Amino acid sequence: MKRTIVKTNKAPQAIGPYSQAVKAGDTVYLAGQIPLIPETMTLESGDMRAQIRRVFENLGAVAKASGGSLQDVVSSTCISPIWRISPW
């Protein structure tokens, strides 16, 4: 199966040895995101809501670069460092 690396300047560049996303056939695997501003590679300031919005803007940019959108997402996992707000 052909694999294609997905890269866009509209989302933060990968900080480690990984890609923003990899497309394998018709499936795209997006890397995890933190609330970095792509232009400055600095963390989004503000409350948790602003940071979550930034994460989804970044994910949307990578999804768009792969030829899709967040409306095409089948499954996702969110890990919060603030465990007291987790439902478990």
C-alpha atoms as a PDB file:
ATOM      1  CA  MET A   1       0.000   0.000   0.000  1.00  0.00           C
ATOM      2  CA  LYS A   2       1.322   3.423  -0.922  1.00  0.00           C
ATOM      3  CA  ARG A   3       2.056   5.782   1.991  1.00  0.00           C
ATOM      4  CA  THR A   4       2.220   9.535   1.592  1.00  0.00           C
ATOM      5  CA  ILE A   5       3.561  11.984   4.163  1.00  0.00           C
ATOM      6  CA  VAL A   6       1.181  14.918   4.710  1.00  0.00           C
ATOM      7  CA  LYS A   7       2.714  18.295   5.542  1.00  0.00           C
ATOM      8  CA  THR A   8       1.319  21.813   5.773  1.00  0.00           C
ATOM      9  CA  ASN A   9       2.615  25.149   7.019  1.00  0.00           C
ATOM     10  CA  LYS A  10      -0.876  25.924   8.351  1.00  0.00           C
ATOM     11  CA  ALA A  11      -0.267  23.631  11.331  1.00  0.00           C
ATOM     12  CA  PRO A  12       2.732  23.382  13.674  1.00  0.00           C
ATOM     13  CA  GLN A  13       5.719  21.549  12.257  1.00  0.00           C
ATOM     14  CA  ALA A  14       6.497  18.230  13.875  1.00  0.00           C
ATOM     15  CA  ILE A  15       8.735  18.694  16.908  1.00  0.00           C
ATOM     16  CA  GLY A  16      10.067  15.142  16.914  1.00  0.00           C
ATOM     17  CA  PRO A  17      10.839  12.401  14.381  1.00  0.00           C
ATOM     18  CA  TYR A  18       7.292  12.060  13.075  1.00  0.00           C
ATOM     19  CA  SER A  19       5.004  13.537  10.436  1.00  0.00           C
ATOM     20  CA  GLN A  20       1.942  15.728  10.819  1.00  0.00           C
ATOM     21  CA  ALA A  21       0.016  12.924   9.133  1.00  0.00           C
ATOM     22  CA  VAL A  22       0.472   9.855   6.962  1.00  0.00           C
ATOM     23  CA  LYS A  23      -1.980   8.867   4.263  1.00  0.00           C
ATOM     24  CA  ALA A  24      -2.177   5.130   3.532  1.00  0.00           C
ATOM     25  CA  GLY A  25      -4.604   4.376   0.738  1.00  0.00           C
ATOM     26  CA  ASP A  26      -7.817   6.221   1.610  1.00  0.00           C
ATOM     27  CA  THR A  27      -7.015   6.380   5.334  1.00  0.00           C
ATOM     28  CA  VAL A  28      -5.199   9.264   7.006  1.00  0.00           C
ATOM     29  CA  TYR A  29      -3.485   9.015  10.399  1.00  0.00           C
ATOM     30  CA  LEU A  30      -3.020  12.426  12.031  1.00  0.00           C
ATOM     31  CA  ALA A  31      -0.381  12.973  14.702  1.00  0.00           C
ATOM     32  CA  GLY A  32      -1.410  14.333  18.072  1.00  0.00           C
ATOM     33  CA  GLN A  33      -1.512  18.077  18.541  1.00  0.00           C
ATOM     34  CA  ILE A  34      -0.824  20.533  21.299  1.00  0.00           C
ATOM     35  CA  PRO A  35      -2.000  24.158  21.123  1.00  0.00           C
ATOM     36  CA  LEU A  36       0.939  25.584  19.191  1.00  0.00           C
ATOM     37  CA  ILE A  37       0.505  28.611  16.957  1.00  0.00           C
ATOM     38  CA  PRO A  38       1.955  27.522  13.583  1.00  0.00           C
ATOM     39  CA  GLU A  39       3.510  30.871  12.682  1.00  0.00           C
ATOM     40  CA  THR A  40       5.449  31.262  15.938  1.00  0.00           C
ATOM     41  CA  MET A  41       5.595  27.685  17.311  1.00  0.00           C
ATOM     42  CA  THR A  42       4.583  29.096  20.706  1.00  0.00           C
ATOM     43  CA  LEU A  43       1.794  27.831  22.928  1.00  0.00           C
ATOM     44  CA  GLU A  44      -1.613  29.446  22.582  1.00  0.00           C
ATOM     45  CA  SER A  45      -2.197  31.708  25.561  1.00  0.00           C
ATOM     46  CA  GLY A  46      -5.549  31.997  27.199  1.00  0.00           C
ATOM     47  CA  ASP A  47      -7.907  29.595  28.842  1.00  0.00           C
ATOM     48  CA  MET A  48      -8.439  25.934  28.102  1.00  0.00           C
ATOM     49  CA  ARG A  49     -11.185  26.743  25.588  1.00  0.00           C
ATOM     50  CA  ALA A  50      -8.784  28.857  23.474  1.00  0.00           C
ATOM     51  CA  GLN A  51      -6.186  26.103  23.603  1.00  0.00           C
ATOM     52  CA  ILE A  52      -8.687  23.407  22.577  1.00  0.00           C
ATOM     53  CA  ARG A  53      -9.846  25.629  19.701  1.00  0.00           C
ATOM     54  CA  ARG A  54      -6.218  25.959  18.540  1.00  0.00           C
ATOM     55  CA  VAL A  55      -5.721  22.189  18.645  1.00  0.00           C
ATOM     56  CA  PHE A  56      -8.758  21.648  16.424  1.00  0.00           C
ATOM     57  CA  GLU A  57      -7.693  24.428  14.040  1.00  0.00           C
ATOM     58  CA  ASN A  58      -4.347  22.642  13.701  1.00  0.00           C
ATOM     59  CA  LEU A  59      -5.987  19.249  13.184  1.00  0.00           C
ATOM     60  CA  GLY A  60      -8.340  20.775  10.607  1.00  0.00           C
ATOM     61  CA  ALA A  61      -5.402  22.253   8.680  1.00  0.00           C
ATOM     62  CA  VAL A  62      -3.663  18.876   8.548  1.00  0.00           C
ATOM     63  CA  ALA A  63      -6.906  17.132   7.546  1.00  0.00           C
ATOM     64  CA  LYS A  64      -7.404  19.689   4.757  1.00  0.00           C
ATOM     65  CA  ALA A  65      -3.823  19.182   3.545  1.00  0.00           C
ATOM     66  CA  SER A  66      -4.593  15.469   3.261  1.00  0.00           C
ATOM     67  CA  GLY A  67      -7.673  16.137   1.130  1.00  0.00           C
ATOM     68  CA  GLY A  68     -10.284  15.809   3.866  1.00  0.00           C
ATOM     69  CA  SER A  69     -11.786  17.677   6.792  1.00  0.00           C
ATOM     70  CA  LEU A  70     -12.623  17.113  10.429  1.00  0.00           C
ATOM     71  CA  GLN A  71     -16.085  16.016   9.276  1.00  0.00           C
ATOM     72  CA  ASP A  72     -14.401  12.904   7.856  1.00  0.00           C
ATOM     73  CA  VAL A  73     -13.003  11.794  11.245  1.00  0.00           C
ATOM     74  CA  VAL A  74     -14.120   8.308  12.264  1.00  0.00           C
ATOM     75  CA  SER A  75     -12.354   8.006  15.614  1.00  0.00           C
ATOM     76  CA  SER A  76     -10.298  10.233  17.883  1.00  0.00           C
ATOM     77  CA  THR A  77      -8.803  10.181  21.360  1.00  0.00           C
ATOM     78  CA  CYS A  78      -8.378  13.175  23.633  1.00  0.00           C
ATOM     79  CA  ILE A  79      -5.958  13.031  26.533  1.00  0.00           C
ATOM     80  CA  SER A  80      -6.251  15.790  29.101  1.00  0.00           C
ATOM     81  CA  PRO A  81      -3.458  16.580  31.543  1.00  0.00           C
ATOM     82  CA  ILE A  82      -6.145  17.883  33.899  1.00  0.00           C
ATOM     83  CA  TRP A  83      -7.446  14.568  35.209  1.00  0.00           C
ATOM     84  CA  ARG A  84      -9.946  16.124  37.592  1.00  0.00           C
ATOM     85  CA  ILE A  85     -12.159  17.056  34.607  1.00  0.00           C
ATOM     86  CA  SER A  86     -12.014  13.572  33.110  1.00  0.00           C
ATOM     87  CA  PRO A  87     -15.208  11.502  33.337  1.00  0.00           C
ATOM     88  CA  TRP A  88     -13.431   8.456  34.724  1.00  0.00           C
END
